Amino acid sequence: MALTPVSALGRATTRLAAGALVAGAATTAYAAWEARHYVLRERTLPVLPAGARPLRVLHLTDLHMTPGQRAKQEWLAGLAGLRPDLVVDTGDNLAHRDAVPVVTDALGPLLDVPGVFVHGSNDYFEPSFRNPFAYLLPDTGKRHTDVPELPWRELSRTFTDAGWLDLTNTRGRVRVGDLDLAFTGVDDPHLGYDRLDEVAGPADPEADVRLGVTHAPYLRVLDAFAQDGYDAVLAGHTHGGQVCLPGGRALATNCDLEPARARGVHRHPADSAPGEPGSTWMHVGAGLGTSPYARIRVACRPEAVLLTLVPIGEG
């Protein structure tokens, strides 16, 4: 018996639906695979004075660690072999109430290296399940602070006991080799915890290099650091977009930074030139983790970044 047009249409619709389900399942499987395959990226920042030797800075961000993430812990532990001169940790290390000793063990010898840190929102509050597609929508301003706190104080003590400098809404200095580095950091801007008024003012002119540190690269923070004369700003939070188009083009940043600068080295303001007053370099790390409830990445491998600071004009 010949098929009627309605029957043929129904068969075609069924085939299309089945194909979409297969494609969706394949994409989800790939996204889960990518979220567990970590990569070390290397980038250069031309911010040092003439004649200074290069400075190797390991930028860690957005670990979102839980005790069961063994592969991530082992990969992170292997970074000690890079022997960096400095570690900059821009927050969101935690994703579980028992994660502090896990993070400590994974960092291992890196805690013996000079370091600085700030916290992100996920260091403060326990993660909860949310619609993963909401990340791609405009920010409503709602923050999920009605959940149990994570042991961020314990994390702070662990880092400071190791000698790392806590940059929560404060300034500080770190000497690395022959270089005197001036730092200013802010608490998490995503939660509105940043207190720019408490750290405002010109960057230290006596230091060899001046660096701003923040978890989330909100424009108000980048603008303030640029106007105050910082040579570069280091941030995380964006996950590089996390779910990107082919080629790594980000769709969202989870803050007011435009997607084109969701990760990597850029100028701020975006159209400024090196040496222009009121401008700075910016590095945004895509981070090593995700929410434990949505461990997916697309065209945006989880990363740690080895930044090599070189003299101005050599980058």
Protein backbone atom coordinates (compact mmCIF):
# COMPACT_ATOMS: atom_id res chain seq x y z
CA MET A 1 0.00 0.00 0.00
CA ALA A 2 1.39 3.40 -0.95
CA LEU A 3 2.20 5.84 1.80
CA THR A 4 -0.07 8.82 2.11
CA PRO A 5 1.59 12.26 2.24
CA VAL A 6 0.75 12.50 5.95
CA SER A 7 2.48 9.18 6.64
CA ALA A 8 5.56 10.21 4.67
CA LEU A 9 5.73 13.48 6.57
CA GLY A 10 5.45 11.62 9.84
CA ARG A 11 8.30 9.28 8.89
CA ALA A 12 10.50 12.22 7.90
CA THR A 13 9.73 14.05 11.13
CA THR A 14 10.61 10.96 13.14
CA ARG A 15 13.93 10.62 11.31
CA LEU A 16 14.76 14.27 11.91
CA ALA A 17 13.90 13.99 15.60
CA ALA A 18 16.02 10.85 15.93
CA GLY A 19 18.90 12.55 14.16
CA ALA A 20 18.64 15.56 16.46
CA LEU A 21 18.69 13.31 19.52
CA VAL A 22 21.78 11.47 18.27
CA ALA A 23 23.54 14.76 17.45
CA GLY A 24 22.60 16.18 20.86
CA ALA A 25 23.86 13.11 22.66
CA ALA A 26 27.12 13.20 20.69
CA THR A 27 27.61 16.90 21.46
CA THR A 28 26.95 16.35 25.16
CA ALA A 29 29.39 13.44 25.26
CA TYR A 30 32.06 15.52 23.55
CA ALA A 31 31.42 18.49 25.88
CA ALA A 32 31.85 16.21 28.91
CA TRP A 33 35.08 14.80 27.44
CA GLU A 34 36.50 18.27 26.74
CA ALA A 35 35.77 19.46 30.29
CA ARG A 36 38.13 16.76 31.58
CA HIS A 37 41.01 17.32 29.15
CA TYR A 38 43.21 20.05 30.57
CA VAL A 39 45.74 22.11 28.67
CA LEU A 40 48.62 24.40 29.59
CA ARG A 41 48.71 27.56 27.52
CA GLU A 42 51.65 29.96 27.31
CA ARG A 43 51.29 33.69 26.77
CA THR A 44 53.54 36.75 26.96
CA LEU A 45 52.99 40.10 28.69
CA PRO A 46 55.42 42.97 27.89
CA VAL A 47 55.35 44.83 31.21
CA LEU A 48 58.86 44.63 32.73
CA PRO A 49 61.47 47.39 32.74
CA ALA A 50 64.23 47.31 30.14
CA GLY A 51 66.96 44.81 30.90
CA ALA A 52 64.90 42.71 33.34
CA ARG A 53 65.05 38.96 32.98
CA PRO A 54 61.75 37.28 32.01
CA LEU A 55 59.45 36.35 34.90
CA ARG A 56 57.40 33.14 34.68
CA VAL A 57 53.96 33.55 36.27
CA LEU A 58 51.57 30.61 36.63
CA HIS A 59 48.01 31.96 36.47
CA LEU A 60 45.50 29.59 38.07
CA THR A 61 41.79 30.27 38.22
CA ASP A 62 38.39 28.61 38.54
CA LEU A 63 39.47 25.16 39.70
CA HIS A 64 35.95 24.47 41.05
CA MET A 65 37.46 21.48 42.83
CA THR A 66 35.60 18.59 44.44
CA PRO A 67 37.23 15.65 46.26
CA GLY A 68 36.29 13.16 43.54
CA GLN A 69 37.96 14.99 40.65
CA ARG A 70 41.12 12.86 40.68
CA ALA A 71 42.23 13.55 37.11
CA LYS A 72 42.10 17.30 37.67
CA GLN A 73 44.01 16.99 40.92
CA GLU A 74 46.75 14.91 39.31
CA TRP A 75 47.06 17.27 36.37
CA LEU A 76 47.23 20.29 38.66
CA ALA A 77 49.91 18.61 40.78
CA GLY A 78 52.03 18.17 37.66
CA LEU A 79 52.26 21.94 37.16
CA ALA A 80 54.85 22.16 39.93
CA GLY A 81 57.31 20.81 37.38
CA LEU A 82 57.09 24.13 35.51
CA ARG A 83 59.00 25.79 38.36
CA PRO A 84 57.30 29.19 37.98
CA ASP A 85 58.70 32.28 39.67
CA LEU A 86 55.27 33.38 40.91
CA VAL A 87 51.74 31.99 41.22
CA VAL A 88 48.66 34.20 40.81
CA ASP A 89 45.40 32.54 41.85
CA THR A 90 42.27 34.46 40.85
CA GLY A 91 39.72 32.47 42.80
CA ASP A 92 36.86 29.97 42.58
CA ASN A 93 39.10 27.19 43.84
CA LEU A 94 36.29 25.41 45.70
CA ALA A 95 33.14 23.56 44.70
CA HIS A 96 32.69 21.35 47.77
CA ARG A 97 32.84 21.80 51.55
CA ASP A 98 35.66 19.20 51.77
CA ALA A 99 37.77 20.63 48.94
CA VAL A 100 40.34 22.70 50.87
CA PRO A 101 42.72 19.82 51.69
CA VAL A 102 42.27 18.49 48.17
CA VAL A 103 43.27 21.83 46.65
CA THR A 104 46.19 22.07 49.08
CA ASP A 105 47.48 18.61 48.18
CA ALA A 106 47.11 19.25 44.45
CA LEU A 107 49.02 22.52 44.62
CA GLY A 108 51.76 20.82 46.62
CA PRO A 109 55.17 22.46 45.97
CA LEU A 110 53.50 25.40 44.22
CA LEU A 111 52.62 26.68 47.70
CA ASP A 112 56.36 27.10 48.29
CA VAL A 113 56.55 29.52 45.35
CA PRO A 114 55.79 33.22 45.97
CA GLY A 115 52.08 33.73 45.34
CA VAL A 116 49.10 36.06 45.58
CA PHE A 117 45.37 35.30 45.59
CA VAL A 118 41.81 36.60 45.69
CA HIS A 119 38.54 34.70 46.13
CA GLY A 120 35.58 34.26 43.81
CA SER A 121 31.90 33.70 44.55
CA ASN A 122 32.27 29.93 44.43
CA ASP A 123 34.86 30.02 47.20
CA TYR A 124 32.25 31.62 49.43
CA PHE A 125 29.06 29.69 48.70
CA GLU A 126 28.17 26.06 48.03
CA PRO A 127 27.24 25.37 44.40
CA SER A 128 23.67 24.42 43.58
CA PHE A 129 21.98 23.10 40.47
CA ARG A 130 20.86 25.76 38.02
CA ASN A 131 19.69 25.77 34.44
CA PRO A 132 23.00 25.60 32.51
CA PHE A 133 21.50 27.54 29.60
CA ALA A 134 20.84 30.52 31.90
CA TYR A 135 24.57 31.28 31.64
CA LEU A 136 23.97 32.38 28.05
CA LEU A 137 21.18 34.79 28.99
CA PRO A 138 21.60 38.41 30.16
CA ASP A 139 22.63 38.73 33.81
CA THR A 140 19.59 39.31 36.02
CA GLY A 141 21.73 40.48 38.93
CA LYS A 142 20.43 37.69 41.18
CA ARG A 143 23.17 36.05 43.25
CA HIS A 144 22.70 32.71 45.00
CA THR A 145 23.91 33.55 48.49
CA ASP A 146 21.05 31.76 50.30
CA VAL A 147 23.06 28.51 50.43
CA PRO A 148 25.61 27.20 52.96
CA GLU A 149 29.02 28.85 53.04
CA LEU A 150 32.12 27.01 51.91
CA PRO A 151 35.29 27.02 54.10
CA TRP A 152 36.89 30.02 52.42
CA ARG A 153 38.46 31.18 55.69
CA GLU A 154 40.30 27.86 55.92
CA LEU A 155 41.42 28.29 52.33
CA SER A 156 42.71 31.79 53.11
CA ARG A 157 44.64 30.52 56.13
CA THR A 158 46.14 27.71 54.07
CA PHE A 159 47.40 30.13 51.46
CA THR A 160 48.64 32.81 53.85
CA ASP A 161 50.35 30.24 56.08
CA ALA A 162 52.23 29.13 52.98
CA GLY A 163 53.36 32.71 52.44
CA TRP A 164 50.95 33.73 49.70
CA LEU A 165 49.67 37.31 49.81
CA ASP A 166 45.93 37.81 50.35
CA LEU A 167 44.85 40.67 48.07
CA THR A 168 41.25 40.96 49.26
CA ASN A 169 40.55 44.68 48.79
CA THR A 170 44.13 45.60 49.62
CA ARG A 171 47.60 46.37 48.30
CA GLY A 172 50.85 44.51 48.81
CA ARG A 173 54.40 43.99 47.58
CA VAL A 174 56.22 40.80 46.61
CA ARG A 175 59.89 40.56 45.74
CA VAL A 176 60.73 37.90 43.15
CA GLY A 177 64.40 37.64 42.33
CA ASP A 178 65.63 41.11 41.43
CA LEU A 179 62.13 42.45 40.78
CA ASP A 180 59.87 44.38 43.15
CA LEU A 181 56.22 43.73 42.26
CA ALA A 182 53.38 45.92 43.52
CA PHE A 183 49.92 44.30 43.67
CA THR A 184 46.43 45.57 44.27
CA GLY A 185 43.47 43.21 44.49
CA VAL A 186 39.73 43.36 45.01
CA ASP A 187 37.25 40.92 46.46
CA ASP A 188 34.78 39.29 44.07
CA PRO A 189 33.04 41.90 41.87
CA HIS A 190 30.40 39.37 40.77
CA LEU A 191 29.01 39.46 44.30
CA GLY A 192 29.62 43.19 44.62
CA TYR A 193 32.28 42.60 47.27
CA ASP A 194 34.89 44.75 45.55
CA ARG A 195 35.80 47.95 47.41
CA LEU A 196 37.54 50.02 44.80
CA ASP A 197 37.39 53.09 47.02
CA GLU A 198 39.62 51.33 49.55
CA VAL A 199 42.39 50.65 47.02
CA ALA A 200 42.00 53.66 44.74
CA GLY A 201 44.96 55.83 43.85
CA PRO A 202 48.00 55.74 41.61
CA ALA A 203 49.88 52.45 41.34
CA ASP A 204 53.18 52.42 43.20
CA PRO A 205 55.69 54.28 40.98
CA GLU A 206 58.67 52.78 42.84
CA ALA A 207 57.87 49.17 41.88
CA ASP A 208 59.36 47.46 38.86
CA VAL A 209 55.92 46.26 37.75
CA ARG A 210 52.38 46.94 38.99
CA LEU A 211 49.65 44.28 38.70
CA GLY A 212 45.94 44.36 39.47
CA VAL A 213 44.21 41.13 40.52
CA THR A 214 40.49 40.35 40.47
CA HIS A 215 38.32 37.27 40.14
CA ALA A 216 35.74 38.68 37.75
CA PRO A 217 36.82 41.15 35.03
CA TYR A 218 34.00 43.65 35.42
CA LEU A 219 34.56 46.85 33.45
CA ARG A 220 34.43 49.07 36.54
CA VAL A 221 37.39 47.18 37.99
CA LEU A 222 39.37 47.14 34.74
CA ASP A 223 38.69 50.86 34.24
CA ALA A 224 39.88 51.69 37.76
CA PHE A 225 43.10 49.70 37.45
CA ALA A 226 43.80 51.17 34.02
CA GLN A 227 43.25 54.74 35.20
CA ASP A 228 45.47 54.18 38.25
CA GLY A 229 48.38 53.12 36.07
CA TYR A 230 48.65 49.35 36.53
CA ASP A 231 50.75 47.57 33.92
CA ALA A 232 48.41 44.58 33.71
CA VAL A 233 45.32 43.04 35.31
CA LEU A 234 44.83 39.31 35.86
CA ALA A 235 41.34 37.80 36.13
CA GLY A 236 39.29 34.64 35.68
CA HIS A 237 35.56 33.95 36.17
CA THR A 238 34.48 33.82 32.51
CA HIS A 239 35.52 30.18 31.86
CA GLY A 240 36.51 31.57 28.47
CA GLY A 241 32.84 31.43 27.54
CA GLN A 242 32.74 27.70 28.45
CA VAL A 243 30.39 26.86 25.58
CA CYS A 244 31.87 28.49 22.51
CA LEU A 245 31.37 28.42 18.77
CA PRO A 246 33.88 26.50 16.66
CA GLY A 247 37.22 28.27 16.83
CA GLY A 248 36.62 29.33 20.43
CA ARG A 249 34.35 32.32 19.90
CA ALA A 250 32.66 32.95 23.24
CA LEU A 251 28.94 33.62 23.48
CA ALA A 252 28.88 34.96 27.06
CA THR A 253 31.19 36.01 29.90
CA ASN A 254 28.89 36.01 32.98
CA CYS A 255 29.85 39.67 33.55
CA ASP A 256 29.82 42.91 31.56
CA LEU A 257 33.06 42.17 29.69
CA GLU A 258 32.31 41.61 26.00
CA PRO A 259 32.68 38.01 24.72
CA ALA A 260 35.49 38.93 22.31
CA ARG A 261 37.80 39.31 25.34
CA ALA A 262 36.52 36.34 27.34
CA ARG A 263 40.01 34.80 27.56
CA GLY A 264 43.61 35.52 26.66
CA VAL A 265 45.72 38.68 26.53
CA HIS A 266 44.02 41.91 25.45
CA ARG A 267 44.32 45.64 25.89
CA HIS A 268 41.95 47.59 28.13
CA PRO A 269 40.25 49.68 26.95
CA ALA A 270 39.96 47.39 23.95
CA ASP A 271 40.96 50.07 21.43
CA SER A 272 43.93 51.42 23.42
CA ALA A 273 47.60 51.16 22.46
CA PRO A 274 50.52 50.05 24.65
CA GLY A 275 51.85 53.00 26.62
CA GLU A 276 48.67 55.03 26.22
CA PRO A 277 47.75 56.77 29.51
CA GLY A 278 44.72 55.26 31.21
CA SER A 279 45.18 51.87 29.57
CA THR A 280 46.58 48.50 30.61
CA TRP A 281 47.14 44.91 29.55
CA MET A 282 44.63 42.32 30.70
CA HIS A 283 44.84 38.54 30.94
CA VAL A 284 41.67 36.53 31.49
CA GLY A 285 42.20 32.84 32.21
CA ALA A 286 39.57 30.35 31.03
CA GLY A 287 40.15 28.28 34.17
CA LEU A 288 40.29 24.57 34.90
CA GLY A 289 36.77 23.82 36.11
CA THR A 290 33.05 24.13 35.69
CA SER A 291 30.05 23.85 37.95
CA PRO A 292 30.01 20.28 39.33
CA TYR A 293 26.42 20.09 38.08
CA ALA A 294 27.32 20.92 34.47
CA ARG A 295 30.78 19.56 33.67
CA ILE A 296 30.76 20.52 30.03
CA ARG A 297 32.90 22.68 27.77
CA VAL A 298 32.68 23.24 24.05
CA ALA A 299 35.56 24.68 21.97
CA CYS A 300 37.09 25.96 25.20
CA ARG A 301 39.44 23.49 26.85
CA PRO A 302 40.02 23.92 30.61
CA GLU A 303 43.38 25.61 31.10
CA ALA A 304 46.12 26.88 33.31
CA VAL A 305 48.30 29.60 31.81
CA LEU A 306 52.03 30.19 32.09
CA LEU A 307 52.51 33.91 31.53
CA THR A 308 56.02 35.08 30.70
CA LEU A 309 56.51 38.72 31.69
CA VAL A 310 59.10 40.36 29.44
CA PRO A 311 60.46 43.91 29.06
CA ILE A 312 58.22 46.44 27.38
CA GLY A 313 58.69 46.35 23.63
CA GLU A 314 59.75 42.69 23.52
CA GLY A 315 56.32 41.09 23.51
